[in-house]
Amino acid sequence: MFEVHGYVDGVAYAAASGRARPEAAATTGVVSGSPVAVTLLSERQGRTVSAPHQTPIVLDISNPVSILTALRVWTQVVREVGDVPPQMT
């Protein structure tokens, strides 16, 4: 499980991936946290995420690797905390 902290269009967010947390402000798939980040991921579920020097990946909100890739590409990530998938470091 890991947390990502950053900004979506200037709005700060924190999102955790790894398991759904019903006590969080918003949850979809295995992502919980700030509604701004969770809504962005939920609305873009199934879209292709293209990052430089990486094979394009389809956003799957049950897959932590695709979640982290999407947040890195579509938001301004400030900090990643916890067990970031090894292929993402």
N, C-alpha and C. Protein backbone atom coordinates (compact mmCIF):
# COMPACT_ATOMS: atom_id res chain seq x y z
N MET A 1 0.85 -1.17 0.00
CA MET A 1 0.00 0.00 0.00
C MET A 1 0.89 1.24 0.00
N PHE A 2 0.49 2.24 -0.77
CA PHE A 2 1.26 3.47 -0.81
C PHE A 2 0.32 4.66 -0.87
N GLU A 3 0.87 5.82 -0.55
CA GLU A 3 0.12 7.08 -0.63
C GLU A 3 0.82 8.00 -1.61
N VAL A 4 0.03 8.78 -2.30
CA VAL A 4 0.55 9.79 -3.22
C VAL A 4 -0.04 11.13 -2.79
N HIS A 5 0.82 12.13 -2.70
CA HIS A 5 0.40 13.49 -2.36
C HIS A 5 0.77 14.40 -3.51
N GLY A 6 -0.12 15.29 -3.87
CA GLY A 6 0.17 16.19 -4.97
C GLY A 6 -0.94 17.19 -5.20
N TYR A 7 -0.99 17.67 -6.45
CA TYR A 7 -1.97 18.70 -6.83
C TYR A 7 -2.66 18.32 -8.14
N VAL A 8 -3.96 18.57 -8.19
CA VAL A 8 -4.75 18.44 -9.40
C VAL A 8 -5.29 19.84 -9.69
N ASP A 9 -4.83 20.45 -10.75
CA ASP A 9 -5.27 21.81 -11.09
C ASP A 9 -5.16 22.77 -9.91
N GLY A 10 -4.07 22.67 -9.16
CA GLY A 10 -3.83 23.56 -8.03
C GLY A 10 -4.50 23.16 -6.74
N VAL A 11 -5.27 22.09 -6.74
CA VAL A 11 -5.95 21.62 -5.53
C VAL A 11 -5.16 20.45 -4.95
N ALA A 12 -4.78 20.57 -3.68
CA ALA A 12 -3.99 19.53 -3.03
C ALA A 12 -4.81 18.26 -2.86
N TYR A 13 -4.13 17.11 -2.96
CA TYR A 13 -4.79 15.83 -2.73
C TYR A 13 -3.84 14.86 -2.04
N ALA A 14 -4.43 13.87 -1.42
CA ALA A 14 -3.71 12.71 -0.90
C ALA A 14 -4.57 11.51 -1.26
N ALA A 15 -3.95 10.48 -1.82
CA ALA A 15 -4.68 9.28 -2.21
C ALA A 15 -3.86 8.06 -1.82
N ALA A 16 -4.53 7.06 -1.30
CA ALA A 16 -3.89 5.80 -0.92
C ALA A 16 -4.34 4.71 -1.87
N SER A 17 -3.41 3.85 -2.25
CA SER A 17 -3.73 2.74 -3.13
C SER A 17 -3.28 1.45 -2.48
N GLY A 18 -4.05 0.42 -2.65
CA GLY A 18 -3.71 -0.88 -2.09
C GLY A 18 -4.93 -1.61 -1.58
N ARG A 19 -5.82 -0.88 -0.97
CA ARG A 19 -7.10 -1.44 -0.52
C ARG A 19 -8.08 -0.30 -0.30
N ALA A 20 -9.34 -0.60 -0.49
CA ALA A 20 -10.37 0.42 -0.27
C ALA A 20 -10.46 0.74 1.21
N ARG A 21 -10.62 2.01 1.52
CA ARG A 21 -10.78 2.46 2.91
C ARG A 21 -12.13 3.15 3.03
N PRO A 22 -13.12 2.47 3.58
CA PRO A 22 -14.46 3.05 3.64
C PRO A 22 -14.56 4.34 4.45
N GLU A 23 -13.61 4.58 5.35
CA GLU A 23 -13.66 5.80 6.17
C GLU A 23 -13.13 7.02 5.41
N ALA A 24 -12.55 6.82 4.24
CA ALA A 24 -11.98 7.92 3.46
C ALA A 24 -13.09 8.81 2.88
N ALA A 25 -12.71 10.02 2.51
CA ALA A 25 -13.67 10.97 1.92
C ALA A 25 -14.24 10.44 0.61
N ALA A 26 -13.43 9.68 -0.14
CA ALA A 26 -13.90 9.10 -1.41
C ALA A 26 -13.13 7.80 -1.66
N THR A 27 -13.79 6.86 -2.30
CA THR A 27 -13.17 5.57 -2.61
C THR A 27 -13.70 5.06 -3.94
N THR A 28 -12.80 4.50 -4.74
CA THR A 28 -13.17 3.79 -5.96
C THR A 28 -12.11 2.73 -6.20
N GLY A 29 -12.51 1.51 -6.51
CA GLY A 29 -11.54 0.43 -6.69
C GLY A 29 -10.69 0.28 -5.45
N VAL A 30 -9.36 0.30 -5.62
CA VAL A 30 -8.46 0.20 -4.48
C VAL A 30 -7.84 1.55 -4.13
N VAL A 31 -8.48 2.64 -4.57
CA VAL A 31 -8.00 3.99 -4.29
C VAL A 31 -8.94 4.68 -3.31
N SER A 32 -8.36 5.29 -2.29
CA SER A 32 -9.14 6.05 -1.32
C SER A 32 -8.42 7.36 -1.05
N GLY A 33 -9.19 8.39 -0.72
CA GLY A 33 -8.56 9.65 -0.35
C GLY A 33 -9.36 10.85 -0.77
N SER A 34 -8.64 11.88 -1.18
CA SER A 34 -9.26 13.14 -1.55
C SER A 34 -10.19 12.96 -2.74
N PRO A 35 -11.40 13.52 -2.65
CA PRO A 35 -12.35 13.40 -3.76
C PRO A 35 -11.80 13.87 -5.10
N VAL A 36 -10.95 14.90 -5.11
CA VAL A 36 -10.44 15.43 -6.38
C VAL A 36 -9.61 14.37 -7.12
N ALA A 37 -8.79 13.62 -6.41
CA ALA A 37 -7.96 12.59 -7.05
C ALA A 37 -8.78 11.35 -7.38
N VAL A 38 -9.62 10.94 -6.46
CA VAL A 38 -10.43 9.74 -6.68
C VAL A 38 -11.39 9.94 -7.85
N THR A 39 -11.99 11.12 -7.94
CA THR A 39 -12.90 11.42 -9.05
C THR A 39 -12.16 11.43 -10.38
N LEU A 40 -10.97 12.04 -10.41
CA LEU A 40 -10.17 12.06 -11.63
C LEU A 40 -9.91 10.64 -12.12
N LEU A 41 -9.49 9.76 -11.22
CA LEU A 41 -9.19 8.38 -11.60
C LEU A 41 -10.45 7.63 -12.01
N SER A 42 -11.51 7.83 -11.28
CA SER A 42 -12.77 7.15 -11.58
C SER A 42 -13.30 7.54 -12.96
N GLU A 43 -13.24 8.84 -13.27
CA GLU A 43 -13.74 9.32 -14.55
C GLU A 43 -12.87 8.89 -15.73
N ARG A 44 -11.60 8.61 -15.47
CA ARG A 44 -10.68 8.23 -16.55
C ARG A 44 -10.40 6.73 -16.58
N GLN A 45 -11.13 5.96 -15.80
CA GLN A 45 -11.00 4.49 -15.79
C GLN A 45 -11.08 3.98 -17.23
N GLY A 46 -10.13 3.12 -17.62
CA GLY A 46 -10.14 2.54 -18.95
C GLY A 46 -9.39 3.34 -20.00
N ARG A 47 -8.98 4.56 -19.67
CA ARG A 47 -8.21 5.38 -20.62
C ARG A 47 -6.75 4.93 -20.65
N THR A 48 -6.12 5.16 -21.78
CA THR A 48 -4.70 4.85 -21.91
C THR A 48 -3.87 5.98 -21.32
N VAL A 49 -2.89 5.59 -20.52
CA VAL A 49 -1.97 6.55 -19.90
C VAL A 49 -0.63 6.41 -20.63
N SER A 50 -0.18 7.48 -21.22
CA SER A 50 1.09 7.47 -21.94
C SER A 50 2.11 8.29 -21.18
N ALA A 51 3.19 7.63 -20.80
CA ALA A 51 4.27 8.31 -20.09
C ALA A 51 5.55 8.15 -20.90
N PRO A 52 6.42 9.16 -20.90
CA PRO A 52 7.68 9.05 -21.63
C PRO A 52 8.50 7.85 -21.16
N HIS A 53 9.09 7.15 -22.08
CA HIS A 53 9.98 6.03 -21.80
C HIS A 53 9.27 4.85 -21.12
N GLN A 54 7.97 4.75 -21.26
CA GLN A 54 7.20 3.63 -20.70
C GLN A 54 6.22 3.14 -21.74
N THR A 55 5.91 1.87 -21.66
CA THR A 55 4.86 1.31 -22.50
C THR A 55 3.53 1.90 -22.04
N PRO A 56 2.68 2.35 -22.95
CA PRO A 56 1.36 2.87 -22.52
C PRO A 56 0.62 1.81 -21.70
N ILE A 57 -0.12 2.27 -20.71
CA ILE A 57 -0.85 1.39 -19.82
C ILE A 57 -2.30 1.89 -19.72
N VAL A 58 -3.23 0.98 -19.60
CA VAL A 58 -4.63 1.35 -19.46
C VAL A 58 -4.93 1.50 -17.97
N LEU A 59 -5.56 2.62 -17.60
CA LEU A 59 -5.90 2.85 -16.19
C LEU A 59 -6.93 1.84 -15.73
N ASP A 60 -6.56 1.10 -14.72
CA ASP A 60 -7.43 0.12 -14.07
C ASP A 60 -7.40 0.44 -12.59
N ILE A 61 -8.52 0.91 -12.04
CA ILE A 61 -8.54 1.36 -10.64
C ILE A 61 -8.42 0.22 -9.63
N SER A 62 -8.22 -1.00 -10.12
CA SER A 62 -7.92 -2.11 -9.21
C SER A 62 -6.44 -2.49 -9.29
N ASN A 63 -5.65 -1.75 -10.10
CA ASN A 63 -4.24 -2.05 -10.32
C ASN A 63 -3.38 -0.89 -9.82
N PRO A 64 -2.64 -1.08 -8.71
CA PRO A 64 -1.83 0.01 -8.15
C PRO A 64 -0.81 0.59 -9.11
N VAL A 65 -0.22 -0.23 -9.98
CA VAL A 65 0.77 0.29 -10.93
C VAL A 65 0.13 1.28 -11.90
N SER A 66 -1.04 0.94 -12.42
CA SER A 66 -1.69 1.86 -13.35
C SER A 66 -2.18 3.11 -12.63
N ILE A 67 -2.58 2.98 -11.38
CA ILE A 67 -3.02 4.15 -10.59
C ILE A 67 -1.85 5.11 -10.40
N LEU A 68 -0.71 4.59 -9.99
CA LEU A 68 0.45 5.44 -9.77
C LEU A 68 0.92 6.09 -11.07
N THR A 69 0.92 5.32 -12.15
CA THR A 69 1.30 5.88 -13.45
C THR A 69 0.37 7.03 -13.82
N ALA A 70 -0.93 6.83 -13.66
CA ALA A 70 -1.90 7.88 -14.00
C ALA A 70 -1.69 9.12 -13.15
N LEU A 71 -1.49 8.96 -11.86
CA LEU A 71 -1.28 10.12 -11.00
C LEU A 71 0.01 10.86 -11.37
N ARG A 72 1.05 10.12 -11.71
CA ARG A 72 2.30 10.77 -12.12
C ARG A 72 2.15 11.55 -13.42
N VAL A 73 1.34 11.06 -14.34
CA VAL A 73 1.18 11.71 -15.64
C VAL A 73 0.16 12.84 -15.58
N TRP A 74 -0.97 12.62 -14.92
CA TRP A 74 -2.08 13.56 -14.97
C TRP A 74 -2.12 14.57 -13.82
N THR A 75 -1.24 14.42 -12.84
CA THR A 75 -1.23 15.37 -11.72
C THR A 75 0.20 15.78 -11.42
N GLN A 76 0.33 16.73 -10.53
CA GLN A 76 1.66 17.13 -10.06
C GLN A 76 1.92 16.40 -8.75
N VAL A 77 2.69 15.33 -8.82
CA VAL A 77 2.99 14.53 -7.62
C VAL A 77 4.12 15.21 -6.86
N VAL A 78 3.90 15.37 -5.55
CA VAL A 78 4.89 15.99 -4.69
C VAL A 78 5.63 14.94 -3.87
N ARG A 79 4.89 13.90 -3.45
CA ARG A 79 5.50 12.91 -2.57
C ARG A 79 4.80 11.57 -2.72
N GLU A 80 5.59 10.51 -2.65
CA GLU A 80 5.07 9.14 -2.63
C GLU A 80 5.59 8.48 -1.37
N VAL A 81 4.70 7.86 -0.61
CA VAL A 81 5.04 7.28 0.68
C VAL A 81 4.57 5.83 0.72
N GLY A 82 5.37 4.96 1.31
CA GLY A 82 4.94 3.58 1.51
C GLY A 82 5.55 2.63 0.50
N ASP A 83 4.84 1.54 0.26
CA ASP A 83 5.33 0.47 -0.60
C ASP A 83 4.99 0.72 -2.07
N VAL A 84 5.76 1.62 -2.67
CA VAL A 84 5.58 1.90 -4.10
C VAL A 84 6.01 0.64 -4.85
N PRO A 85 5.20 0.19 -5.82
CA PRO A 85 5.56 -1.03 -6.56
C PRO A 85 6.99 -0.93 -7.10
N PRO A 86 7.78 -2.01 -6.94
CA PRO A 86 9.20 -1.96 -7.31
C PRO A 86 9.46 -1.53 -8.76
N GLN A 87 8.58 -1.91 -9.69
CA GLN A 87 8.79 -1.52 -11.08
C GLN A 87 8.55 -0.04 -11.31
N MET A 88 8.09 0.69 -10.29
CA MET A 88 7.78 2.12 -10.42
C MET A 88 8.85 3.02 -9.80
N THR A 89 9.86 2.45 -9.18
CA THR A 89 10.85 3.29 -8.51
C THR A 89 11.99 3.66 -9.43
